[in-house]
Amino acid sequence: MPRFIVTGNYTSSAMKALIESPSDREAAARALVEAAGGKLESFYLTTGEHDFAIKVTIDDVSSLLAALLATGASGAVSNLRTVRAFTSDEFTEIQKKAGKFASAYKSPGS
C-alpha cells in the first residue's frame, strides 16, 4: 500500500485554540485519515519548518488529498505538503526497473 508523508503548520488561530483547549491532535488526524480510507502509521509534532508530520498508508491518494483539502479549508492548518515515501525494498525494485529503462533514454546531444 502506498505511503505518504504529510507535513504542515498550525495557523495562529489554531495555536490559540490549542492553548485555550488542549486536544489530542493525533486522534483528530487518525479520524481524518481513516475517514479517507487510510491508516495513520505515525504522528509527530516537529520543530523547524513544519509543526507536524504524519505518515499515512492509503491506496487512494485522491481521497487523502480530498481529506487534506478539507483540513486546509478549515483554517486550522497551512503549508500542507504531501510526498510519496518508499521503503528500501521498494527502492531496490525501482532501481532494477531503471536498469531496464536506461537504454531507452538518449541524453541531449547524443
PDB file of N, CA and C in Angstrom:
ATOM      1  N   MET A   1       0.850  -1.173   0.000  1.00  0.00           N
ATOM      2  CA  MET A   1       0.000   0.000   0.000  1.00  0.00           C
ATOM      3  C   MET A   1       0.898   1.239   0.000  1.00  0.00           C
ATOM      4  N   PRO A   2       0.612   2.211  -0.855  1.00  0.00           N
ATOM      5  CA  PRO A   2       1.446   3.417  -0.917  1.00  0.00           C
ATOM      6  C   PRO A   2       1.484   4.178   0.411  1.00  0.00           C
ATOM      7  N   ARG A   3       2.665   4.752   0.704  1.00  0.00           N
ATOM      8  CA  ARG A   3       2.893   5.542   1.914  1.00  0.00           C
ATOM      9  C   ARG A   3       3.117   6.989   1.536  1.00  0.00           C
ATOM     10  N   PHE A   4       2.611   7.868   2.386  1.00  0.00           N
ATOM     11  CA  PHE A   4       2.794   9.298   2.167  1.00  0.00           C
ATOM     12  C   PHE A   4       3.196   9.966   3.470  1.00  0.00           C
ATOM     13  N   ILE A   5       4.071  10.949   3.358  1.00  0.00           N
ATOM     14  CA  ILE A   5       4.450  11.784   4.492  1.00  0.00           C
ATOM     15  C   ILE A   5       3.772  13.136   4.258  1.00  0.00           C
ATOM     16  N   VAL A   6       3.016  13.577   5.243  1.00  0.00           N
ATOM     17  CA  VAL A   6       2.324  14.863   5.157  1.00  0.00           C
ATOM     18  C   VAL A   6       2.875  15.763   6.259  1.00  0.00           C
ATOM     19  N   THR A   7       3.277  16.960   5.868  1.00  0.00           N
ATOM     20  CA  THR A   7       3.735  17.944   6.837  1.00  0.00           C
ATOM     21  C   THR A   7       2.873  19.196   6.713  1.00  0.00           C
ATOM     22  N   GLY A   8       2.879  19.977   7.771  1.00  0.00           N
ATOM     23  CA  GLY A   8       2.119  21.220   7.730  1.00  0.00           C
ATOM     24  C   GLY A   8       2.363  22.055   8.966  1.00  0.00           C
ATOM     25  N   ASN A   9       1.643  23.157   9.019  1.00  0.00           N
ATOM     26  CA  ASN A   9       1.767  24.100  10.125  1.00  0.00           C
ATOM     27  C   ASN A   9       0.390  24.438  10.677  1.00  0.00           C
ATOM     28  N   TYR A  10       0.340  24.682  11.973  1.00  0.00           N
ATOM     29  CA  TYR A  10      -0.888  25.176  12.577  1.00  0.00           C
ATOM     30  C   TYR A  10      -0.955  26.679  12.351  1.00  0.00           C
ATOM     31  N   THR A  11      -2.138  27.179  12.084  1.00  0.00           N
ATOM     32  CA  THR A  11      -2.317  28.618  11.939  1.00  0.00           C
ATOM     33  C   THR A  11      -2.327  29.254  13.327  1.00  0.00           C
ATOM     34  N   SER A  12      -2.197  30.567  13.374  1.00  0.00           N
ATOM     35  CA  SER A  12      -2.190  31.240  14.674  1.00  0.00           C
ATOM     36  C   SER A  12      -3.513  31.049  15.401  1.00  0.00           C
ATOM     37  N   SER A  13      -4.629  31.019  14.672  1.00  0.00           N
ATOM     38  CA  SER A  13      -5.915  30.796  15.343  1.00  0.00           C
ATOM     39  C   SER A  13      -5.998  29.377  15.908  1.00  0.00           C
ATOM     40  N   ALA A  14      -5.428  28.415  15.210  1.00  0.00           N
ATOM     41  CA  ALA A  14      -5.408  27.042  15.737  1.00  0.00           C
ATOM     42  C   ALA A  14      -4.523  26.961  16.972  1.00  0.00           C
ATOM     43  N   MET A  15      -3.374  27.645  16.954  1.00  0.00           N
ATOM     44  CA  MET A  15      -2.485  27.632  18.117  1.00  0.00           C
ATOM     45  C   MET A  15      -3.182  28.242  19.329  1.00  0.00           C
ATOM     46  N   LYS A  16      -3.916  29.302  19.107  1.00  0.00           N
ATOM     47  CA  LYS A  16      -4.664  29.922  20.199  1.00  0.00           C
ATOM     48  C   LYS A  16      -5.675  28.928  20.773  1.00  0.00           C
ATOM     49  N   ALA A  17      -6.385  28.228  19.899  1.00  0.00           N
ATOM     50  CA  ALA A  17      -7.370  27.242  20.349  1.00  0.00           C
ATOM     51  C   ALA A  17      -6.701  26.082  21.079  1.00  0.00           C
ATOM     52  N   LEU A  18      -5.514  25.669  20.628  1.00  0.00           N
ATOM     53  CA  LEU A  18      -4.789  24.584  21.291  1.00  0.00           C
ATOM     54  C   LEU A  18      -4.385  24.976  22.707  1.00  0.00           C
ATOM     55  N   ILE A  19      -4.048  26.237  22.896  1.00  0.00           N
ATOM     56  CA  ILE A  19      -3.678  26.713  24.230  1.00  0.00           C
ATOM     57  C   ILE A  19      -4.908  26.814  25.125  1.00  0.00           C
ATOM     58  N   GLU A  20      -5.987  27.344  24.575  1.00  0.00           N
ATOM     59  CA  GLU A  20      -7.207  27.540  25.360  1.00  0.00           C
ATOM     60  C   GLU A  20      -7.898  26.217  25.706  1.00  0.00           C
ATOM     61  N   SER A  21      -7.793  25.248  24.785  1.00  0.00           N
ATOM     62  CA  SER A  21      -8.468  23.968  24.989  1.00  0.00           C
ATOM     63  C   SER A  21      -7.623  22.848  24.383  1.00  0.00           C
ATOM     64  N   PRO A  22      -6.603  22.387  25.112  1.00  0.00           N
ATOM     65  CA  PRO A  22      -5.723  21.344  24.578  1.00  0.00           C
ATOM     66  C   PRO A  22      -6.512  20.114  24.101  1.00  0.00           C
ATOM     67  N   SER A  23      -6.055  19.559  22.986  1.00  0.00           N
ATOM     68  CA  SER A  23      -6.728  18.390  22.433  1.00  0.00           C
ATOM     69  C   SER A  23      -5.718  17.450  21.807  1.00  0.00           C
ATOM     70  N   ASP A  24      -6.111  16.214  21.632  1.00  0.00           N
ATOM     71  CA  ASP A  24      -5.257  15.177  21.057  1.00  0.00           C
ATOM     72  C   ASP A  24      -5.301  15.293  19.540  1.00  0.00           C
ATOM     73  N   ARG A  25      -4.295  15.928  18.964  1.00  0.00           N
ATOM     74  CA  ARG A  25      -4.281  16.135  17.520  1.00  0.00           C
ATOM     75  C   ARG A  25      -3.997  14.850  16.758  1.00  0.00           C
ATOM     76  N   GLU A  26      -3.331  13.898  17.403  1.00  0.00           N
ATOM     77  CA  GLU A  26      -3.118  12.612  16.740  1.00  0.00           C
ATOM     78  C   GLU A  26      -4.454  11.918  16.511  1.00  0.00           C
ATOM     79  N   ALA A  27      -5.336  11.954  17.501  1.00  0.00           N
ATOM     80  CA  ALA A  27      -6.655  11.338  17.349  1.00  0.00           C
ATOM     81  C   ALA A  27      -7.437  12.020  16.231  1.00  0.00           C
ATOM     82  N   ALA A  28      -7.321  13.330  16.142  1.00  0.00           N
ATOM     83  CA  ALA A  28      -8.015  14.065  15.084  1.00  0.00           C
ATOM     84  C   ALA A  28      -7.464  13.684  13.708  1.00  0.00           C
ATOM     85  N   ALA A  29      -6.145  13.582  13.604  1.00  0.00           N
ATOM     86  CA  ALA A  29      -5.529  13.192  12.337  1.00  0.00           C
ATOM     87  C   ALA A  29      -5.919  11.759  11.974  1.00  0.00           C
ATOM     88  N   ARG A  30      -5.920  10.870  12.971  1.00  0.00           N
ATOM     89  CA  ARG A  30      -6.282   9.467  12.725  1.00  0.00           C
ATOM     90  C   ARG A  30      -7.717   9.368  12.198  1.00  0.00           C
ATOM     91  N   ALA A  31      -8.635  10.095  12.816  1.00  0.00           N
ATOM     92  CA  ALA A  31     -10.039  10.057  12.383  1.00  0.00           C
ATOM     93  C   ALA A  31     -10.166  10.519  10.933  1.00  0.00           C
ATOM     94  N   LEU A  32      -9.438  11.564  10.569  1.00  0.00           N
ATOM     95  CA  LEU A  32      -9.490  12.080   9.205  1.00  0.00           C
ATOM     96  C   LEU A  32      -8.927  11.074   8.207  1.00  0.00           C
ATOM     97  N   VAL A  33      -7.759  10.516   8.519  1.00  0.00           N
ATOM     98  CA  VAL A  33      -7.125   9.553   7.619  1.00  0.00           C
ATOM     99  C   VAL A  33      -8.004   8.313   7.462  1.00  0.00           C
ATOM    100  N   GLU A  34      -8.561   7.826   8.553  1.00  0.00           N
ATOM    101  CA  GLU A  34      -9.431   6.649   8.473  1.00  0.00           C
ATOM    102  C   GLU A  34     -10.705   6.939   7.686  1.00  0.00           C
ATOM    103  N   ALA A  35     -11.250   8.147   7.816  1.00  0.00           N
ATOM    104  CA  ALA A  35     -12.426   8.525   7.043  1.00  0.00           C
ATOM    105  C   ALA A  35     -12.120   8.511   5.542  1.00  0.00           C
ATOM    106  N   ALA A  36     -10.858   8.791   5.202  1.00  0.00           N
ATOM    107  CA  ALA A  36     -10.431   8.775   3.805  1.00  0.00           C
ATOM    108  C   ALA A  36     -10.083   7.370   3.320  1.00  0.00           C
ATOM    109  N   GLY A  37     -10.109   6.390   4.225  1.00  0.00           N
ATOM    110  CA  GLY A  37      -9.819   5.011   3.835  1.00  0.00           C
ATOM    111  C   GLY A  37      -8.380   4.596   4.051  1.00  0.00           C
ATOM    112  N   GLY A  38      -7.631   5.382   4.804  1.00  0.00           N
ATOM    113  CA  GLY A  38      -6.224   5.072   5.032  1.00  0.00           C
ATOM    114  C   GLY A  38      -5.937   4.703   6.467  1.00  0.00           C
ATOM    115  N   LYS A  39      -4.657   4.543   6.741  1.00  0.00           N
ATOM    116  CA  LYS A  39      -4.194   4.217   8.090  1.00  0.00           C
ATOM    117  C   LYS A  39      -3.113   5.213   8.485  1.00  0.00           C
ATOM    118  N   LEU A  40      -3.285   5.826   9.649  1.00  0.00           N
ATOM    119  CA  LEU A  40      -2.265   6.715  10.197  1.00  0.00           C
ATOM    120  C   LEU A  40      -1.215   5.843  10.871  1.00  0.00           C
ATOM    121  N   GLU A  41      -0.016   5.814  10.318  1.00  0.00           N
ATOM    122  CA  GLU A  41       1.052   4.987  10.878  1.00  0.00           C
ATOM    123  C   GLU A  41       1.822   5.701  11.969  1.00  0.00           C
ATOM    124  N   SER A  42       1.996   7.013  11.817  1.00  0.00           N
ATOM    125  CA  SER A  42       2.699   7.764  12.853  1.00  0.00           C
ATOM    126  C   SER A  42       2.300   9.232  12.786  1.00  0.00           C
ATOM    127  N   PHE A  43       2.441   9.890  13.933  1.00  0.00           N
ATOM    128  CA  PHE A  43       2.108  11.303  14.068  1.00  0.00           C
ATOM    129  C   PHE A  43       3.171  11.936  14.949  1.00  0.00           C
ATOM    130  N   TYR A  44       3.774  13.000  14.467  1.00  0.00           N
ATOM    131  CA  TYR A  44       4.814  13.682  15.234  1.00  0.00           C
ATOM    132  C   TYR A  44       4.576  15.184  15.211  1.00  0.00           C
ATOM    133  N   LEU A  45       4.801  15.821  16.348  1.00  0.00           N
ATOM    134  CA  LEU A  45       4.927  17.264  16.401  1.00  0.00           C
ATOM    135  C   LEU A  45       6.402  17.530  16.195  1.00  0.00           C
ATOM    136  N   THR A  46       6.721  18.489  15.358  1.00  0.00           N
ATOM    137  CA  THR A  46       8.106  18.675  14.960  1.00  0.00           C
ATOM    138  C   THR A  46       8.578  20.110  15.202  1.00  0.00           C
ATOM    139  N   THR A  47       9.887  20.262  15.247  1.00  0.00           N
ATOM    140  CA  THR A  47      10.487  21.586  15.320  1.00  0.00           C
ATOM    141  C   THR A  47      10.991  21.933  13.927  1.00  0.00           C
ATOM    142  N   GLY A  48      11.262  23.192  13.719  1.00  0.00           N
ATOM    143  CA  GLY A  48      11.792  23.593  12.424  1.00  0.00           C
ATOM    144  C   GLY A  48      10.721  24.138  11.509  1.00  0.00           C
ATOM    145  N   GLU A  49      10.835  23.829  10.252  1.00  0.00           N
ATOM    146  CA  GLU A  49       9.980  24.398   9.213  1.00  0.00           C
ATOM    147  C   GLU A  49       8.503  24.013   9.356  1.00  0.00           C
ATOM    148  N   HIS A  50       8.232  22.821   9.863  1.00  0.00           N
ATOM    149  CA  HIS A  50       6.851  22.331   9.966  1.00  0.00           C
ATOM    150  C   HIS A  50       6.503  22.045  11.423  1.00  0.00           C
ATOM    151  N   ASP A  51       5.217  22.178  11.742  1.00  0.00           N
ATOM    152  CA  ASP A  51       4.747  21.914  13.101  1.00  0.00           C
ATOM    153  C   ASP A  51       4.414  20.446  13.337  1.00  0.00           C
ATOM    154  N   PHE A  52       4.059  19.739  12.260  1.00  0.00           N
ATOM    155  CA  PHE A  52       3.707  18.323  12.410  1.00  0.00           C
ATOM    156  C   PHE A  52       4.081  17.547  11.162  1.00  0.00           C
ATOM    157  N   ALA A  53       4.226  16.233  11.352  1.00  0.00           N
ATOM    158  CA  ALA A  53       4.477  15.298  10.251  1.00  0.00           C
ATOM    159  C   ALA A  53       3.710  14.029  10.555  1.00  0.00           C
ATOM    160  N   ILE A  54       3.008  13.521   9.557  1.00  0.00           N
ATOM    161  CA  ILE A  54       2.306  12.257   9.717  1.00  0.00           C
ATOM    162  C   ILE A  54       2.723  11.312   8.596  1.00  0.00           C
ATOM    163  N   LYS A  55       2.687  10.023   8.895  1.00  0.00           N
ATOM    164  CA  LYS A  55       2.941   9.001   7.876  1.00  0.00           C
ATOM    165  C   LYS A  55       1.644   8.236   7.686  1.00  0.00           C
ATOM    166  N   VAL A  56       1.188   8.180   6.454  1.00  0.00           N
ATOM    167  CA  VAL A  56      -0.104   7.590   6.116  1.00  0.00           C
ATOM    168  C   VAL A  56       0.091   6.500   5.072  1.00  0.00           C
ATOM    169  N   THR A  57      -0.632   5.401   5.199  1.00  0.00           N
ATOM    170  CA  THR A  57      -0.727   4.435   4.109  1.00  0.00           C
ATOM    171  C   THR A  57      -2.160   4.500   3.598  1.00  0.00           C
ATOM    172  N   ILE A  58      -2.288   4.557   2.275  1.00  0.00           N
ATOM    173  CA  ILE A  58      -3.614   4.669   1.660  1.00  0.00           C
ATOM    174  C   ILE A  58      -3.498   4.263   0.197  1.00  0.00           C
ATOM    175  N   ASP A  59      -4.482   3.535  -0.299  1.00  0.00           N
ATOM    176  CA  ASP A  59      -4.481   3.137  -1.704  1.00  0.00           C
ATOM    177  C   ASP A  59      -4.946   4.259  -2.620  1.00  0.00           C
ATOM    178  N   ASP A  60      -5.892   5.053  -2.165  1.00  0.00           N
ATOM    179  CA  ASP A  60      -6.494   6.090  -2.998  1.00  0.00           C
ATOM    180  C   ASP A  60      -5.954   7.457  -2.604  1.00  0.00           C
ATOM    181  N   VAL A  61      -4.914   7.894  -3.302  1.00  0.00           N
ATOM    182  CA  VAL A  61      -4.290   9.175  -2.951  1.00  0.00           C
ATOM    183  C   VAL A  61      -5.269  10.335  -3.137  1.00  0.00           C
ATOM    184  N   SER A  62      -6.219  10.209  -4.057  1.00  0.00           N
ATOM    185  CA  SER A  62      -7.173  11.303  -4.240  1.00  0.00           C
ATOM    186  C   SER A  62      -8.033  11.485  -2.994  1.00  0.00           C
ATOM    187  N   SER A  63      -8.340  10.391  -2.287  1.00  0.00           N
ATOM    188  CA  SER A  63      -9.088  10.519  -1.026  1.00  0.00           C
ATOM    189  C   SER A  63      -8.243  11.208   0.038  1.00  0.00           C
ATOM    190  N   LEU A  64      -6.955  10.886   0.087  1.00  0.00           N
ATOM    191  CA  LEU A  64      -6.067  11.568   1.035  1.00  0.00           C
ATOM    192  C   LEU A  64      -6.012  13.061   0.719  1.00  0.00           C
ATOM    193  N   LEU A  65      -5.851  13.396  -0.542  1.00  0.00           N
ATOM    194  CA  LEU A  65      -5.771  14.804  -0.919  1.00  0.00           C
ATOM    195  C   LEU A  65      -7.079  15.534  -0.629  1.00  0.00           C
ATOM    196  N   ALA A  66      -8.209  14.859  -0.822  1.00  0.00           N
ATOM    197  CA  ALA A  66      -9.502  15.467  -0.501  1.00  0.00           C
ATOM    198  C   ALA A  66      -9.610  15.737   0.998  1.00  0.00           C
ATOM    199  N   ALA A  67      -9.145  14.797   1.807  1.00  0.00           N
ATOM    200  CA  ALA A  67      -9.171  14.984   3.261  1.00  0.00           C
ATOM    201  C   ALA A  67      -8.269  16.140   3.666  1.00  0.00           C
ATOM    202  N   LEU A  68      -7.115  16.249   3.048  1.00  0.00           N
ATOM    203  CA  LEU A  68      -6.207  17.355   3.348  1.00  0.00           C
ATOM    204  C   LEU A  68      -6.775  18.686   2.876  1.00  0.00           C
ATOM    205  N   LEU A  69      -7.480  18.659   1.768  1.00  0.00           N
ATOM    206  CA  LEU A  69      -8.145  19.864   1.277  1.00  0.00           C
ATOM    207  C   LEU A  69      -9.177  20.346   2.288  1.00  0.00           C
ATOM    208  N   ALA A  70      -9.942  19.401   2.832  1.00  0.00           N
ATOM    209  CA  ALA A  70     -10.932  19.746   3.860  1.00  0.00           C
ATOM    210  C   ALA A  70     -10.248  20.309   5.099  1.00  0.00           C
ATOM    211  N   THR A  71      -9.116  19.729   5.465  1.00  0.00           N
ATOM    212  CA  THR A  71      -8.373  20.210   6.626  1.00  0.00           C
ATOM    213  C   THR A  71      -7.861  21.624   6.392  1.00  0.00           C
ATOM    214  N   GLY A  72      -7.290  21.857   5.242  1.00  0.00           N
ATOM    215  CA  GLY A  72      -6.798  23.189   4.915  1.00  0.00           C
ATOM    216  C   GLY A  72      -7.920  24.215   4.865  1.00  0.00           C
ATOM    217  N   ALA A  73      -9.065  23.802   4.354  1.00  0.00           N
ATOM    218  CA  ALA A  73     -10.211  24.713   4.260  1.00  0.00           C
ATOM    219  C   ALA A  73     -10.749  25.097   5.634  1.00  0.00           C
ATOM    220  N   SER A  74     -10.450  24.303   6.646  1.00  0.00           N
ATOM    221  CA  SER A  74     -10.925  24.606   7.995  1.00  0.00           C
ATOM    222  C   SER A  74     -10.253  25.847   8.573  1.00  0.00           C
ATOM    223  N   GLY A  75      -9.104  26.206   8.016  1.00  0.00           N
ATOM    224  CA  GLY A  75      -8.357  27.344   8.526  1.00  0.00           C
ATOM    225  C   GLY A  75      -7.431  27.003   9.684  1.00  0.00           C
ATOM    226  N   ALA A  76      -7.394  25.729  10.084  1.00  0.00           N
ATOM    227  CA  ALA A  76      -6.576  25.327  11.229  1.00  0.00           C
ATOM    228  C   ALA A  76      -5.130  25.015  10.853  1.00  0.00           C
ATOM    229  N   VAL A  77      -4.901  24.673   9.599  1.00  0.00           N
ATOM    230  CA  VAL A  77      -3.549  24.322   9.166  1.00  0.00           C
ATOM    231  C   VAL A  77      -3.217  25.046   7.873  1.00  0.00           C
ATOM    232  N   SER A  78      -1.935  25.174   7.638  1.00  0.00           N
ATOM    233  CA  SER A  78      -1.459  25.784   6.394  1.00  0.00           C
ATOM    234  C   SER A  78      -0.189  25.072   5.956  1.00  0.00           C
ATOM    235  N   ASN A  79       0.265  25.420   4.774  1.00  0.00           N
ATOM    236  CA  ASN A  79       1.546  24.914   4.287  1.00  0.00           C
ATOM    237  C   ASN A  79       1.580  23.388   4.234  1.00  0.00           C
ATOM    238  N   LEU A  80       0.463  22.759   3.882  1.00  0.00           N
ATOM    239  CA  LEU A  80       0.425  21.297   3.790  1.00  0.00           C
ATOM    240  C   LEU A  80       1.280  20.828   2.622  1.00  0.00           C
ATOM    241  N   ARG A  81       2.102  19.829   2.872  1.00  0.00           N
ATOM    242  CA  ARG A  81       2.950  19.213   1.855  1.00  0.00           C
ATOM    243  C   ARG A  81       2.776  17.710   1.947  1.00  0.00           C
ATOM    244  N   THR A  82       2.641  17.071   0.801  1.00  0.00           N
ATOM    245  CA  THR A  82       2.469  15.626   0.753  1.00  0.00           C
ATOM    246  C   THR A  82       3.499  15.039  -0.195  1.00  0.00           C
ATOM    247  N   VAL A  83       4.254  14.055   0.278  1.00  0.00           N
ATOM    248  CA  VAL A  83       5.229  13.376  -0.568  1.00  0.00           C
ATOM    249  C   VAL A  83       5.019  11.873  -0.458  1.00  0.00           C
ATOM    250  N   ARG A  84       5.259  11.185  -1.551  1.00  0.00           N
ATOM    251  CA  ARG A  84       5.188   9.733  -1.559  1.00  0.00           C
ATOM    252  C   ARG A  84       6.479   9.200  -0.956  1.00  0.00           C
ATOM    253  N   ALA A  85       6.377   8.195  -0.096  1.00  0.00           N
ATOM    254  CA  ALA A  85       7.546   7.600   0.553  1.00  0.00           C
ATOM    255  C   ALA A  85       7.688   6.143   0.115  1.00  0.00           C
ATOM    256  N   PHE A  86       8.916   5.711  -0.052  1.00  0.00           N
ATOM    257  CA  PHE A  86       9.212   4.347  -0.493  1.00  0.00           C
ATOM    258  C   PHE A  86      10.128   3.662   0.508  1.00  0.00           C
ATOM    259  N   THR A  87       9.888   2.386   0.746  1.00  0.00           N
ATOM    260  CA  THR A  87      10.786   1.610   1.601  1.00  0.00           C
ATOM    261  C   THR A  87      12.065   1.301   0.822  1.00  0.00           C
ATOM    262  N   SER A  88      13.064   0.829   1.515  1.00  0.00           N
ATOM    263  CA  SER A  88      14.310   0.444   0.869  1.00  0.00           C
ATOM    264  C   SER A  88      14.067  -0.676  -0.142  1.00  0.00           C
ATOM    265  N   ASP A  89      13.227  -1.643   0.205  1.00  0.00           N
ATOM    266  CA  ASP A  89      12.916  -2.739  -0.718  1.00  0.00           C
ATOM    267  C   ASP A  89      12.227  -2.218  -1.981  1.00  0.00           C
ATOM    268  N   GLU A  90      11.294  -1.293  -1.798  1.00  0.00           N
ATOM    269  CA  GLU A  90      10.616  -0.714  -2.966  1.00  0.00           C
ATOM    270  C   GLU A  90      11.620   0.027  -3.849  1.00  0.00           C
ATOM    271  N   PHE A  91      12.545   0.757  -3.217  1.00  0.00           N
ATOM    272  CA  PHE A  91      13.530   1.498  -3.990  1.00  0.00           C
ATOM    273  C   PHE A  91      14.475   0.556  -4.735  1.00  0.00           C
ATOM    274  N   THR A  92      14.796  -0.583  -4.147  1.00  0.00           N
ATOM    275  CA  THR A  92      15.627  -1.573  -4.844  1.00  0.00           C
ATOM    276  C   THR A  92      14.930  -2.029  -6.121  1.00  0.00           C
ATOM    277  N   GLU A  93      13.633  -2.270  -6.043  1.00  0.00           N
ATOM    278  CA  GLU A  93      12.873  -2.675  -7.236  1.00  0.00           C
ATOM    279  C   GLU A  93      12.837  -1.549  -8.275  1.00  0.00           C
ATOM    280  N   ILE A  94      12.732  -0.324  -7.815  1.00  0.00           N
ATOM    281  CA  ILE A  94      12.747   0.825  -8.725  1.00  0.00           C
ATOM    282  C   ILE A  94      14.090   0.900  -9.448  1.00  0.00           C
ATOM    283  N   GLN A  95      15.174   0.655  -8.729  1.00  0.00           N
ATOM    284  CA  GLN A  95      16.499   0.674  -9.347  1.00  0.00           C
ATOM    285  C   GLN A  95      16.615  -0.392 -10.432  1.00  0.00           C
ATOM    286  N   LYS A  96      16.049  -1.565 -10.171  1.00  0.00           N
ATOM    287  CA  LYS A  96      16.075  -2.645 -11.167  1.00  0.00           C
ATOM    288  C   LYS A  96      15.299  -2.236 -12.411  1.00  0.00           C
ATOM    289  N   LYS A  97      14.146  -1.606 -12.237  1.00  0.00           N
ATOM    290  CA  LYS A  97      13.372  -1.121 -13.376  1.00  0.00           C
ATOM    291  C   LYS A  97      14.158  -0.068 -14.146  1.00  0.00           C
ATOM    292  N   ALA A  98      14.835   0.799 -13.415  1.00  0.00           N
ATOM    293  CA  ALA A  98      15.626   1.846 -14.064  1.00  0.00           C
ATOM    294  C   ALA A  98      16.686   1.234 -14.971  1.00  0.00           C
ATOM    295  N   GLY A  99      17.281   0.143 -14.529  1.00  0.00           N
ATOM    296  CA  GLY A  99      18.278  -0.541 -15.347  1.00  0.00           C
ATOM    297  C   GLY A  99      17.688  -1.040 -16.654  1.00  0.00           C
ATOM    298  N   LYS A 100      16.430  -1.459 -16.620  1.00  0.00           N
ATOM    299  CA  LYS A 100      15.753  -1.927 -17.835  1.00  0.00           C
ATOM    300  C   LYS A 100      15.399  -0.770 -18.759  1.00  0.00           C
ATOM    301  N   PHE A 101      15.099   0.384 -18.193  1.00  0.00           N
ATOM    302  CA  PHE A 101      14.683   1.540 -18.992  1.00  0.00           C
ATOM    303  C   PHE A 101      15.857   2.379 -19.479  1.00  0.00           C
ATOM    304  N   ALA A 102      17.020   2.227 -18.872  1.00  0.00           N
ATOM    305  CA  ALA A 102      18.159   3.116 -19.148  1.00  0.00           C
ATOM    306  C   ALA A 102      18.511   3.149 -20.632  1.00  0.00           C
ATOM    307  N   SER A 103      18.436   2.040 -21.331  1.00  0.00           N
ATOM    308  CA  SER A 103      18.840   2.017 -22.741  1.00  0.00           C
ATOM    309  C   SER A 103      17.850   2.785 -23.627  1.00  0.00           C
ATOM    310  N   ALA A 104      16.640   3.043 -23.158  1.00  0.00           N
ATOM    311  CA  ALA A 104      15.647   3.776 -23.935  1.00  0.00           C
ATOM    312  C   ALA A 104      15.871   5.278 -23.894  1.00  0.00           C
ATOM    313  N   TYR A 105      16.649   5.753 -22.929  1.00  0.00           N
ATOM    314  CA  TYR A 105      16.852   7.193 -22.762  1.00  0.00           C
ATOM    315  C   TYR A 105      18.070   7.650 -23.563  1.00  0.00           C
ATOM    316  N   LYS A 106      17.892   8.727 -24.301  1.00  0.00           N
ATOM    317  CA  LYS A 106      19.006   9.340 -25.035  1.00  0.00           C
ATOM    318  C   LYS A 106      19.198  10.731 -24.464  1.00  0.00           C
ATOM    319  N   SER A 107      20.369  10.996 -23.913  1.00  0.00           N
ATOM    320  CA  SER A 107      20.650  12.312 -23.345  1.00  0.00           C
ATOM    321  C   SER A 107      20.795  13.349 -24.440  1.00  0.00           C
ATOM    322  N   PRO A 108      20.598  14.622 -24.086  1.00  0.00           N
ATOM    323  CA  PRO A 108      20.747  15.681 -25.087  1.00  0.00           C
ATOM    324  C   PRO A 108      22.127  15.640 -25.750  1.00  0.00           C
ATOM    325  N   GLY A 109      22.131  15.811 -27.044  1.00  0.00           N
ATOM    326  CA  GLY A 109      23.401  15.833 -27.777  1.00  0.00           C
ATOM    327  C   GLY A 109      23.917  14.467 -28.162  1.00  0.00           C
ATOM    328  N   SER A 110      23.167  13.397 -27.821  1.00  0.00           N
ATOM    329  CA  SER A 110      23.672  12.071 -28.226  1.00  0.00           C
ATOM    330  C   SER A 110      22.853  11.465 -29.326  1.00  0.00           C
TER     331      SER A 110
END
